[in-house]
Protein backbone atom coordinates (compact mmCIF):
# COMPACT_ATOMS: atom_id res chain seq x y z
CA MET A 1 0.03 0.12 -0.19
CA TYR A 2 2.91 2.60 0.65
CA HIS A 3 3.84 2.27 -2.64
CA LYS A 4 0.52 2.83 -4.21
CA LYS A 5 0.78 6.57 -6.03
CA TRP A 6 -3.01 7.31 -4.51
CA PHE A 7 -1.51 6.92 -1.02
CA GLN A 8 1.76 8.83 -1.83
CA THR A 9 -0.69 11.74 -3.30
CA LEU A 10 -2.51 11.50 -0.10
CA VAL A 11 0.69 11.80 2.15
CA GLY A 12 1.85 14.60 0.17
CA ILE A 13 -1.50 16.50 0.48
CA ILE A 14 -1.68 16.14 4.22
CA LEU A 15 2.04 17.05 4.64
CA VAL A 16 1.48 20.30 2.42
CA CYS A 17 -1.69 20.94 4.97
CA LEU A 18 0.54 20.29 7.96
CA LEU A 19 3.09 23.00 6.57
CA PHE A 20 0.31 25.34 6.23
CA TRP A 21 -0.86 24.95 9.75
CA ILE A 22 2.60 25.43 11.43
CA LEU A 23 3.29 28.37 9.39
CA LYS A 24 0.09 29.80 10.55
CA HIS A 25 0.76 29.23 14.17
CA ILE A 26 4.68 30.65 13.82
CA GLU A 27 3.90 33.90 11.77
CA TYR A 28 6.03 35.63 14.49
CA VAL A 29 9.04 33.94 12.80
CA TYR A 30 9.07 34.63 9.50
CA GLN A 31 7.12 38.17 9.49
CA PRO A 32 10.27 40.27 9.92
CA ILE A 33 11.41 38.66 6.67
CA PHE A 34 8.34 39.18 4.71
CA THR A 35 8.39 42.84 6.17
CA TYR A 36 11.95 43.26 4.87
CA LEU A 37 10.94 41.77 1.48
CA GLY A 38 8.23 44.09 1.31
CA ALA A 39 10.29 47.02 1.81
CA ILE A 40 12.71 46.29 -0.87
CA ALA A 41 10.16 44.67 -3.30
CA PHE A 42 9.44 48.17 -5.14
CA PRO A 43 13.06 49.10 -5.95
CA LEU A 44 14.03 45.15 -6.58
CA ILE A 45 10.91 44.96 -9.23
CA THR A 46 11.30 48.34 -10.71
CA ALA A 47 15.04 47.43 -11.13
CA GLY A 48 14.07 44.03 -12.75
CA VAL A 49 12.02 45.87 -15.32
CA LEU A 50 14.51 48.32 -16.11
CA TYR A 51 16.95 45.57 -16.41
CA TYR A 52 15.12 43.74 -18.97
CA ILE A 53 14.42 47.15 -20.91
CA SER A 54 18.19 48.02 -20.85
CA ARG A 55 19.98 44.48 -21.47
CA PRO A 56 19.23 44.64 -25.27
CA ILE A 57 21.15 48.02 -24.92
CA VAL A 58 24.05 46.89 -23.37
CA HIS A 59 24.39 43.60 -25.42
CA LEU A 60 24.49 45.80 -28.52
CA LEU A 61 27.16 48.22 -26.91
CA GLU A 62 28.80 45.15 -26.54
CA ARG A 63 29.05 43.95 -30.05
CA TYR A 64 30.55 46.95 -30.98
CA ARG A 65 33.42 45.94 -28.30
CA VAL A 66 32.16 48.23 -25.75
CA HIS A 67 33.21 47.20 -22.15
CA ARG A 68 30.12 45.99 -20.16
CA ILE A 69 30.78 48.69 -17.39
CA LEU A 70 30.76 51.66 -19.89
CA ALA A 71 27.92 50.06 -21.50
CA ILE A 72 25.88 50.16 -18.43
CA PHE A 73 26.98 53.76 -17.84
CA CYS A 74 25.82 54.73 -21.64
CA VAL A 75 22.66 53.03 -20.44
CA PHE A 76 22.44 54.97 -16.98
CA ILE A 77 23.24 58.38 -19.35
CA LEU A 78 20.21 57.33 -21.20
CA PHE A 79 17.80 56.99 -18.77
CA VAL A 80 18.93 60.29 -16.97
CA ILE A 81 18.20 62.28 -20.57
CA THR A 82 14.80 60.38 -20.70
CA VAL A 83 13.74 61.18 -17.39
CA TYR A 84 15.22 65.00 -18.01
CA LEU A 85 13.02 65.17 -21.36
CA ILE A 86 9.86 63.85 -19.60
CA VAL A 87 10.03 66.43 -16.61
CA THR A 88 11.03 69.15 -18.97
CA PHE A 89 8.67 68.80 -21.66
CA ILE A 90 5.70 66.32 -20.82
CA ALA A 91 5.14 66.76 -17.24
CA PRO A 92 4.33 70.36 -16.84
CA ILE A 93 1.85 69.82 -19.67
CA ALA A 94 0.28 66.94 -17.92
CA GLN A 95 0.18 68.75 -14.51
CA GLU A 96 -1.34 71.70 -16.05
CA GLN A 97 -4.05 69.32 -17.53
CA PHE A 98 -4.44 67.60 -14.26
CA THR A 99 -4.82 70.96 -12.39
CA ARG A 100 -7.07 72.27 -14.90
CA PHE A 101 -9.33 69.25 -14.63
CA VAL A 102 -9.49 69.45 -10.92
CA ASP A 103 -10.73 73.01 -11.46
CA ASN A 104 -13.48 72.28 -13.59
CA LEU A 105 -14.73 69.54 -11.41
CA PRO A 106 -17.13 71.61 -9.75
CA ALA A 107 -18.52 72.78 -13.11
CA MET A 108 -19.08 69.31 -14.10
CA ILE A 109 -21.13 68.73 -10.87
CA ARG A 110 -23.36 71.63 -11.51
CA GLU A 111 -23.74 70.25 -15.47
CA VAL A 112 -24.70 66.98 -13.91
CA GLU A 113 -27.12 68.51 -11.63
CA SER A 114 -28.55 70.54 -14.85
CA ILE A 115 -29.17 67.57 -16.41
CA ILE A 116 -30.95 65.72 -13.48
CA ASN A 117 -33.43 68.83 -13.09
CA TYR A 118 -33.74 68.89 -16.83
CA TRP A 119 -34.84 64.85 -16.64
CA GLN A 120 -36.85 65.99 -13.50
CA SER A 121 -38.60 68.69 -15.24
CA ASN A 122 -39.71 66.39 -17.74
CA GLN A 123 -41.36 63.76 -15.60
CA GLU A 124 -43.92 62.87 -17.93
CA ILE A 125 -41.86 61.14 -20.33
CA ILE A 126 -39.76 59.34 -17.57
CA PRO A 127 -41.08 56.46 -15.37
CA ASP A 128 -41.95 57.25 -12.06
CA GLN A 129 -39.66 54.34 -11.00
CA PHE A 130 -36.77 56.09 -13.00
CA SER A 131 -37.69 59.46 -11.60
CA ALA A 132 -37.32 58.46 -7.96
CA ALA A 133 -34.13 56.55 -8.62
CA ILE A 134 -32.63 59.76 -10.49
CA THR A 135 -33.89 62.00 -7.40
CA ASP A 136 -32.47 59.41 -4.78
CA ALA A 137 -29.35 59.58 -6.72
CA GLN A 138 -29.01 63.29 -6.81
CA ASN A 139 -29.55 63.38 -2.98
CA GLU A 140 -26.60 60.81 -2.42
CA LEU A 141 -24.26 62.93 -4.94
CA PHE A 142 -24.51 66.13 -3.18
CA SER A 143 -24.77 65.03 0.20
CA ARG A 144 -21.41 63.36 -0.31
CA ALA A 145 -19.98 66.34 -2.13
CA GLN A 146 -18.21 67.16 1.03
CA GLU A 147 -16.92 63.90 1.59
CA ILE A 148 -15.48 63.73 -1.81
CA THR A 149 -14.02 66.91 -1.38
CA GLY A 150 -12.25 65.69 1.96
CA ALA A 151 -11.23 62.58 0.26
CA LEU A 152 -9.30 64.50 -2.73
CA THR A 153 -7.76 66.23 0.06
CA THR A 154 -6.66 63.56 1.98
CA PHE A 155 -5.57 61.71 -1.05
CA VAL A 156 -3.41 64.79 -2.14
CA ILE A 157 -1.73 64.40 1.34
CA GLY A 158 -1.44 60.66 1.27
CA MET A 159 0.19 61.18 -2.30
CA VAL A 160 2.70 63.56 -1.06
CA THR A 161 3.78 61.44 1.67
CA SER A 162 3.89 58.51 -0.67
CA LEU A 163 5.76 60.40 -3.19
CA VAL A 164 8.66 61.17 -0.31
CA GLN A 165 8.74 57.64 0.53
CA PHE A 166 8.72 56.64 -3.19
CA LEU A 167 11.83 58.66 -3.95
CA PHE A 168 13.43 57.24 -1.11
CA LEU A 169 13.25 53.89 -2.33
CA LEU A 170 14.15 54.99 -6.16
CA ILE A 171 17.57 55.68 -4.64
CA LEU A 172 17.83 51.84 -4.50
CA VAL A 173 16.82 51.55 -8.20
CA PRO A 174 20.29 52.23 -9.75
CA PHE A 175 22.06 50.20 -7.47
CA PHE A 176 20.08 47.28 -7.91
CA LEU A 177 19.91 47.84 -11.68
CA PHE A 178 23.55 48.40 -11.80
CA TYR A 179 24.53 44.80 -10.46
CA MET A 180 21.94 43.13 -12.41
CA LEU A 181 23.42 44.29 -15.52
CA LYS A 182 27.11 43.44 -14.18
CA ASP A 183 26.71 40.12 -12.96
CA GLY A 184 23.03 39.06 -13.64
CA GLU A 185 23.73 36.50 -16.21
CA LYS A 186 26.37 35.06 -13.63
CA LEU A 187 23.47 33.91 -11.42
CA GLN A 188 22.40 30.83 -13.56
CA PRO A 189 26.30 29.41 -13.65
CA PHE A 190 26.39 29.71 -9.95
CA LEU A 191 23.21 27.95 -9.18
CA ALA A 192 23.86 25.00 -11.72
CA LYS A 193 27.08 24.45 -9.80
CA PHE A 194 25.41 22.81 -6.89
CA PHE A 195 23.74 20.04 -9.21
CA LYS A 196 24.83 17.32 -10.88
CA ASP A 197 25.25 17.36 -14.66
CA LYS A 198 22.07 16.64 -16.16
CA ARG A 199 20.02 18.35 -13.29
CA ALA A 200 22.17 21.39 -13.65
CA ALA A 201 21.87 21.03 -17.58
CA SER A 202 17.84 20.97 -16.88
CA LEU A 203 18.07 23.87 -14.32
CA THR A 204 19.99 25.88 -16.90
CA ARG A 205 17.11 25.27 -19.60
CA LEU A 206 14.68 26.27 -17.11
CA PHE A 207 16.17 29.34 -16.45
CA LYS A 208 16.57 30.36 -20.29
CA ARG A 209 12.82 29.62 -20.98
CA ILE A 210 11.87 31.88 -17.43
CA ASP A 211 14.06 34.64 -18.72
CA HIS A 212 12.66 34.33 -22.30
CA THR A 213 9.01 34.56 -20.64
CA LEU A 214 9.90 37.53 -18.62
CA SER A 215 11.44 39.26 -21.28
CA SER A 216 9.17 38.91 -24.07
CA PHE A 217 6.29 39.95 -21.55
CA ILE A 218 8.26 43.11 -20.09
CA GLN A 219 9.55 44.24 -23.14
CA GLY A 220 6.68 43.48 -25.49
CA GLN A 221 3.91 44.72 -22.89
CA LEU A 222 5.98 48.38 -22.51
CA THR A 223 6.29 48.70 -26.28
CA VAL A 224 2.97 47.99 -27.11
CA SER A 225 1.52 50.22 -24.34
CA PHE A 226 3.69 53.19 -25.38
CA CYS A 227 2.38 52.68 -29.04
CA VAL A 228 -1.07 52.67 -27.92
CA GLY A 229 -0.34 55.76 -25.78
CA VAL A 230 0.72 57.66 -28.82
CA LEU A 231 -1.70 56.58 -30.94
CA LEU A 232 -4.45 57.72 -28.06
CA PHE A 233 -2.66 61.11 -27.98
CA ILE A 234 -2.82 61.66 -31.62
CA GLY A 235 -6.41 60.64 -32.11
CA TYR A 236 -7.34 62.72 -28.99
CA THR A 237 -5.28 65.72 -30.25
CA ILE A 238 -7.18 65.52 -33.66
CA ILE A 239 -10.58 65.69 -32.34
CA GLY A 240 -9.46 68.36 -29.81
CA LEU A 241 -10.23 66.55 -26.71
CA HIS A 242 -9.69 68.39 -23.62
CA TYR A 243 -6.83 66.93 -21.39
CA SER A 244 -5.39 64.64 -24.35
CA LEU A 245 -1.86 64.18 -23.09
CA SER A 246 -3.18 63.26 -19.48
CA LEU A 247 -5.85 60.67 -21.11
CA ALA A 248 -3.46 59.47 -23.41
CA LEU A 249 -0.72 58.88 -20.47
CA PHE A 250 -3.40 57.18 -18.44
CA GLY A 251 -4.34 54.78 -21.37
CA MET A 252 -0.49 54.04 -22.03
CA ALA A 253 -0.51 53.27 -18.16
CA THR A 254 -3.58 51.33 -18.01
CA ASN A 255 -2.76 49.42 -21.17
CA VAL A 256 0.00 47.46 -19.06
CA ILE A 257 -2.94 45.49 -17.78
CA PRO A 258 -3.93 42.59 -20.35
CA PHE A 259 -7.55 42.85 -21.66
CA ALA A 260 -8.94 45.05 -18.95
CA GLY A 261 -6.47 47.93 -19.66
CA PRO A 262 -8.29 49.21 -22.86
CA TYR A 263 -11.50 49.18 -21.02
CA LEU A 264 -10.17 51.45 -18.02
CA ALA A 265 -8.24 53.84 -20.31
CA VAL A 266 -11.62 54.78 -21.99
CA ILE A 267 -13.76 55.63 -19.14
CA PRO A 268 -12.08 59.23 -18.23
CA ALA A 269 -11.95 60.03 -21.97
CA ILE A 270 -15.55 59.37 -22.43
CA LEU A 271 -16.40 61.38 -19.50
CA ALA A 272 -14.13 64.18 -20.41
CA ALA A 273 -15.95 64.24 -24.10
CA PHE A 274 -19.34 64.05 -22.48
CA PHE A 275 -18.82 67.55 -20.48
CA GLN A 276 -16.97 68.79 -23.42
CA ASP A 277 -19.34 67.69 -26.54
CA PRO A 278 -21.48 64.72 -25.95
CA PHE A 279 -21.51 63.75 -29.82
CA MET A 280 -17.54 63.68 -29.23
CA ILE A 281 -18.17 60.49 -27.09
CA TRP A 282 -18.41 58.53 -30.75
CA TYR A 283 -15.20 59.93 -31.77
CA VAL A 284 -13.85 58.74 -28.49
CA ILE A 285 -15.04 55.28 -28.94
CA ILE A 286 -13.78 54.95 -32.62
CA ILE A 287 -10.12 56.12 -31.73
CA MET A 288 -9.97 53.43 -29.00
CA VAL A 289 -11.64 50.83 -31.31
CA VAL A 290 -9.18 51.90 -34.05
CA ALA A 291 -6.12 52.05 -31.69
CA GLN A 292 -6.89 48.44 -30.27
CA GLN A 293 -7.54 47.13 -33.79
CA ILE A 294 -3.79 48.35 -34.70
CA GLU A 295 -2.30 47.07 -31.57
CA GLY A 296 -4.06 43.83 -31.81
CA ASN A 297 -3.45 43.08 -35.33
CA LEU A 298 -0.17 44.70 -36.14
CA ILE A 299 1.81 45.92 -33.06
CA SER A 300 1.31 43.03 -30.66
CA PRO A 301 1.91 40.42 -33.19
CA ASN A 302 5.32 41.44 -34.50
CA VAL A 303 6.42 42.68 -30.98
CA MET A 304 5.27 39.83 -28.61
CA GLY A 305 4.46 37.27 -31.13
CA LYS A 306 3.01 34.12 -29.33
CA ALA A 307 5.52 34.22 -26.84
CA LEU A 308 3.43 33.71 -23.67
CA SER A 309 0.92 31.60 -25.54
CA ILE A 310 -1.81 32.45 -22.91
CA HIS A 311 -5.66 31.84 -24.21
CA PRO A 312 -8.00 35.05 -23.56
CA LEU A 313 -10.55 33.28 -21.54
CA THR A 314 -7.65 32.46 -19.48
CA ILE A 315 -6.47 36.02 -19.12
CA ILE A 316 -9.99 37.27 -18.14
CA THR A 317 -10.23 34.47 -15.68
CA LEU A 318 -6.90 35.52 -13.86
CA ILE A 319 -7.74 39.23 -13.99
CA LEU A 320 -10.84 38.61 -12.30
CA ALA A 321 -9.50 36.54 -9.59
CA ALA A 322 -6.31 38.63 -9.06
CA GLY A 323 -8.52 41.87 -8.90
CA SER A 324 -10.88 40.65 -6.58
CA ILE A 325 -7.73 38.88 -4.30
CA ALA A 326 -5.05 41.43 -4.59
CA GLY A 327 -6.47 44.68 -6.12
CA PHE A 328 -4.50 46.60 -8.46
CA LEU A 329 -1.11 44.58 -7.72
CA GLY A 330 -2.71 41.68 -8.67
CA LEU A 331 -4.26 42.69 -11.96
CA LEU A 332 -0.59 44.07 -12.65
CA PHE A 333 1.51 40.99 -11.79
CA VAL A 334 -1.10 38.05 -12.28
CA ILE A 335 -0.29 37.37 -15.98
CA PRO A 336 3.85 37.23 -15.88
CA PHE A 337 3.48 35.43 -12.63
CA TYR A 338 1.20 32.88 -14.30
CA ALA A 339 3.57 32.80 -17.53
CA VAL A 340 6.27 31.61 -15.00
CA VAL A 341 4.39 29.25 -13.63
CA LYS A 342 3.51 27.97 -16.53
CA THR A 343 6.62 27.83 -17.89
CA ILE A 344 7.95 25.93 -14.90
CA ILE A 345 5.26 23.46 -14.85
CA GLY A 346 6.08 22.78 -18.53
CA HIS A 347 9.46 22.48 -18.39
CA PHE A 348 9.47 19.70 -15.68
CA TYR A 349 6.55 18.01 -17.75
CA GLU A 350 8.65 17.90 -20.90
CA GLU A 351 11.67 16.73 -18.93
CA ALA A 352 9.43 14.05 -17.22
CA PHE A 353 7.79 13.31 -20.69
CA ASP A 354 11.53 12.81 -22.50
CA GLY A 355 12.66 10.46 -19.59
CA ARG A 356 15.59 13.04 -18.38
CA GLU A 357 16.58 13.06 -14.81
CA ILE A 358 15.18 16.13 -13.22
């Protein structure tokens, strides 16, 4: 019986459950470790993203016989120039548009009130139930106007505090990035030394596949998001939509989230179009559809290809689950996490299927 597969599986499940039970009751032991990891998670992840962005540049310079250290410093100089251009030319315009949006917010609320009053003045064409719902919504909206203002003030104060913490953690990013670019490729041979030849070869192949998966996702997703942001900015500028740069930057940022990003990006654009000219909503929808068609049929296939090979239904399921469990961070990291787990499982399955020692 002890050699039966079902018995071994049952024992494994019991041991895993026992392990979770033990970990739950000794939380005080590993809690400081998680606190430390949480403190360095942001600069480490940021450096990792920048690593996959800048590594091709370092390799390109090395092909022209540029020493790696010098190539890394060239990458840092390129980053500094990019940040300078953004702060000098893009940030002031985006800040001005955002400030203008906040200043116009009371006027937008008054516009909503006038629309509601117009609907209520024509109650003969509106069902009683719908009219009552409008009245309740109006009372709720204006009763919470003061709360919304206070929440915005709290948000701004919290944002300033978070910005200070963000800048402090940001100082660590260049150090992490430098050593990733300098010694990142030495990690794989270092870990392989602790295993036998066949297992070391298997581990090397696994690391290469994980590296390819992360590289394809990060480089591809950022490139696609940048292209979509440019397309949205061009479209919004052509139709004369207010806050075009801020809305395009928001669309660029949300497009990092697979599948759900484009739908999130269009919401503020539709709201801005509604208060500027309701008919402009159709232009915004057309621009978003055209941008997504160009991204889906031209940009993504050439930039990302089928490197991840994740079915759209799987993406939707993962995003819904991750959003409910971990919020925005879950939406952001669930797809690359799933892709890495899928790569690991696929690797060991192929190794076992081929009869290799794992």
